[in-house]
């Protein structure tokens, strides 16, 4: 795995520990947005719903629910979507099946 992939996985594990309250939150300063426009993110990446869902390991039905306002991503999903927003190619590479 590339160094960028290793950093991404380490950051995701730290974010999960933070969200689950398993760390001293005074040691971390993270920003998880209150809302992410998933449809806009997907369109900015020039991806169809099924491609976006497949590349990033999101259930297609869940993606559609988010985009149509039937539900909203939780804090961990928003954190993951923020990572996708910042480094989509790295996320695709890390999640790619060998």
C-alpha atoms as a PDB file:
ATOM      1  CA  UNK A   1       0.000   0.000   0.000  1.00  0.00           C
ATOM      2  CA  UNK A   2       1.230   3.504  -0.744  1.00  0.00           C
ATOM      3  CA  UNK A   3       2.262   5.931   1.999  1.00  0.00           C
ATOM      4  CA  UNK A   4      -0.761   8.090   1.152  1.00  0.00           C
ATOM      5  CA  UNK A   5      -3.002   5.059   1.546  1.00  0.00           C
ATOM      6  CA  UNK A   6      -1.431   4.201   4.893  1.00  0.00           C
ATOM      7  CA  UNK A   7      -1.934   7.778   6.116  1.00  0.00           C
ATOM      8  CA  UNK A   8      -5.538   7.718   4.959  1.00  0.00           C
ATOM      9  CA  UNK A   9      -6.259   4.471   6.801  1.00  0.00           C
ATOM     10  CA  UNK A  10      -4.529   5.734   9.960  1.00  0.00           C
ATOM     11  CA  UNK A  11      -6.537   8.954   9.817  1.00  0.00           C
ATOM     12  CA  UNK A  12      -9.800   7.036   9.329  1.00  0.00           C
ATOM     13  CA  UNK A  13      -9.038   4.829  12.354  1.00  0.00           C
ATOM     14  CA  UNK A  14      -8.243   7.893  14.455  1.00  0.00           C
ATOM     15  CA  UNK A  15     -11.462   9.588  13.322  1.00  0.00           C
ATOM     16  CA  UNK A  16     -13.478   6.517  14.288  1.00  0.00           C
ATOM     17  CA  UNK A  17     -11.849   6.342  17.724  1.00  0.00           C
ATOM     18  CA  UNK A  18     -12.562  10.048  18.185  1.00  0.00           C
ATOM     19  CA  UNK A  19     -16.213   9.685  17.130  1.00  0.00           C
ATOM     20  CA  UNK A  20     -16.712   6.687  19.410  1.00  0.00           C
ATOM     21  CA  UNK A  21     -15.251   8.569  22.388  1.00  0.00           C
ATOM     22  CA  UNK A  22     -12.275   6.240  22.841  1.00  0.00           C
ATOM     23  CA  UNK A  23      -9.740   9.097  22.934  1.00  0.00           C
ATOM     24  CA  UNK A  24      -9.194  12.263  24.897  1.00  0.00           C
ATOM     25  CA  UNK A  25     -10.953  14.747  22.641  1.00  0.00           C
ATOM     26  CA  UNK A  26      -8.789  17.558  23.984  1.00  0.00           C
ATOM     27  CA  UNK A  27      -5.853  16.014  22.095  1.00  0.00           C
ATOM     28  CA  UNK A  28      -7.610  16.246  18.726  1.00  0.00           C
ATOM     29  CA  UNK A  29      -9.032  19.000  16.618  1.00  0.00           C
ATOM     30  CA  UNK A  30     -11.068  17.597  13.771  1.00  0.00           C
ATOM     31  CA  UNK A  31     -13.701  19.111  11.577  1.00  0.00           C
ATOM     32  CA  UNK A  32     -16.640  16.978  10.533  1.00  0.00           C
ATOM     33  CA  UNK A  33     -19.068  19.065   8.501  1.00  0.00           C
ATOM     34  CA  UNK A  34     -22.685  19.197   9.630  1.00  0.00           C
ATOM     35  CA  UNK A  35     -23.837  18.589   6.078  1.00  0.00           C
ATOM     36  CA  UNK A  36     -22.318  17.465   2.800  1.00  0.00           C
ATOM     37  CA  UNK A  37     -24.123  17.825  -0.500  1.00  0.00           C
ATOM     38  CA  UNK A  38     -23.543  14.265  -1.655  1.00  0.00           C
ATOM     39  CA  UNK A  39     -25.152  14.823  -5.050  1.00  0.00           C
ATOM     40  CA  UNK A  40     -22.927  17.834  -5.706  1.00  0.00           C
ATOM     41  CA  UNK A  41     -19.839  15.887  -4.626  1.00  0.00           C
ATOM     42  CA  UNK A  42     -20.739  12.980  -6.920  1.00  0.00           C
ATOM     43  CA  UNK A  43     -21.435  15.310  -9.841  1.00  0.00           C
ATOM     44  CA  UNK A  44     -18.179  17.199  -9.257  1.00  0.00           C
ATOM     45  CA  UNK A  45     -16.390  13.871  -9.611  1.00  0.00           C
ATOM     46  CA  UNK A  46     -18.332  13.228 -12.857  1.00  0.00           C
ATOM     47  CA  UNK A  47     -19.700   9.937 -11.557  1.00  0.00           C
ATOM     48  CA  UNK A  48     -23.046   8.214 -11.916  1.00  0.00           C
ATOM     49  CA  UNK A  49     -24.725   7.028  -8.712  1.00  0.00           C
ATOM     50  CA  UNK A  50     -23.856   3.371  -9.236  1.00  0.00           C
ATOM     51  CA  UNK A  51     -20.198   4.183 -10.001  1.00  0.00           C
ATOM     52  CA  UNK A  52     -19.859   6.431  -6.945  1.00  0.00           C
ATOM     53  CA  UNK A  53     -21.453   3.808  -4.707  1.00  0.00           C
ATOM     54  CA  UNK A  54     -19.282   1.001  -6.091  1.00  0.00           C
ATOM     55  CA  UNK A  55     -15.980   2.916  -5.979  1.00  0.00           C
ATOM     56  CA  UNK A  56     -16.466   4.127  -2.414  1.00  0.00           C
ATOM     57  CA  UNK A  57     -18.224   1.126  -0.840  1.00  0.00           C
ATOM     58  CA  UNK A  58     -21.549   2.856  -0.253  1.00  0.00           C
ATOM     59  CA  UNK A  59     -24.818   1.009  -0.734  1.00  0.00           C
ATOM     60  CA  UNK A  60     -26.605   2.424  -3.764  1.00  0.00           C
ATOM     61  CA  UNK A  61     -29.926   2.637  -1.903  1.00  0.00           C
ATOM     62  CA  UNK A  62     -28.269   4.599   0.907  1.00  0.00           C
ATOM     63  CA  UNK A  63     -26.661   7.005  -1.598  1.00  0.00           C
ATOM     64  CA  UNK A  64     -30.027   7.581  -3.245  1.00  0.00           C
ATOM     65  CA  UNK A  65     -31.646   8.209   0.142  1.00  0.00           C
ATOM     66  CA  UNK A  66     -28.989  10.821   0.947  1.00  0.00           C
ATOM     67  CA  UNK A  67     -29.333  12.537  -2.412  1.00  0.00           C
ATOM     68  CA  UNK A  68     -33.125  12.607  -2.266  1.00  0.00           C
ATOM     69  CA  UNK A  69     -33.239  13.823   1.337  1.00  0.00           C
ATOM     70  CA  UNK A  70     -34.896  10.709   2.791  1.00  0.00           C
ATOM     71  CA  UNK A  71     -31.968  10.323   5.175  1.00  0.00           C
ATOM     72  CA  UNK A  72     -28.687  12.054   5.924  1.00  0.00           C
ATOM     73  CA  UNK A  73     -25.167  10.729   6.388  1.00  0.00           C
ATOM     74  CA  UNK A  74     -24.118  10.223  10.008  1.00  0.00           C
ATOM     75  CA  UNK A  75     -20.938  11.751  11.405  1.00  0.00           C
ATOM     76  CA  UNK A  76     -18.694   8.908  10.254  1.00  0.00           C
ATOM     77  CA  UNK A  77     -20.199   8.951   6.771  1.00  0.00           C
ATOM     78  CA  UNK A  78     -19.735  12.725   6.627  1.00  0.00           C
ATOM     79  CA  UNK A  79     -16.103  12.305   7.691  1.00  0.00           C
ATOM     80  CA  UNK A  80     -15.604   9.681   4.962  1.00  0.00           C
ATOM     81  CA  UNK A  81     -17.344  11.885   2.385  1.00  0.00           C
ATOM     82  CA  UNK A  82     -15.050  14.763   3.403  1.00  0.00           C
ATOM     83  CA  UNK A  83     -12.039  12.517   2.755  1.00  0.00           C
ATOM     84  CA  UNK A  84     -13.525  11.568  -0.636  1.00  0.00           C
ATOM     85  CA  UNK A  85     -14.038  15.258  -1.350  1.00  0.00           C
ATOM     86  CA  UNK A  86     -10.387  16.035  -0.601  1.00  0.00           C
ATOM     87  CA  UNK A  87      -8.678  12.946  -2.069  1.00  0.00           C
ATOM     88  CA  UNK A  88     -11.012  10.861  -4.241  1.00  0.00           C
ATOM     89  CA  UNK A  89      -8.239   9.131  -6.181  1.00  0.00           C
ATOM     90  CA  UNK A  90      -6.437   8.099  -3.002  1.00  0.00           C
ATOM     91  CA  UNK A  91      -9.647   6.668  -1.552  1.00  0.00           C
ATOM     92  CA  UNK A  92     -10.310   4.741  -4.779  1.00  0.00           C
ATOM     93  CA  UNK A  93      -6.754   3.386  -4.707  1.00  0.00           C
ATOM     94  CA  UNK A  94      -6.942   2.331  -1.058  1.00  0.00           C
ATOM     95  CA  UNK A  95     -10.300   0.615  -1.493  1.00  0.00           C
ATOM     96  CA  UNK A  96      -9.465  -1.011  -4.831  1.00  0.00           C
ATOM     97  CA  UNK A  97      -9.674  -4.786  -4.855  1.00  0.00           C
ATOM     98  CA  UNK A  98      -6.432  -6.403  -5.946  1.00  0.00           C
END
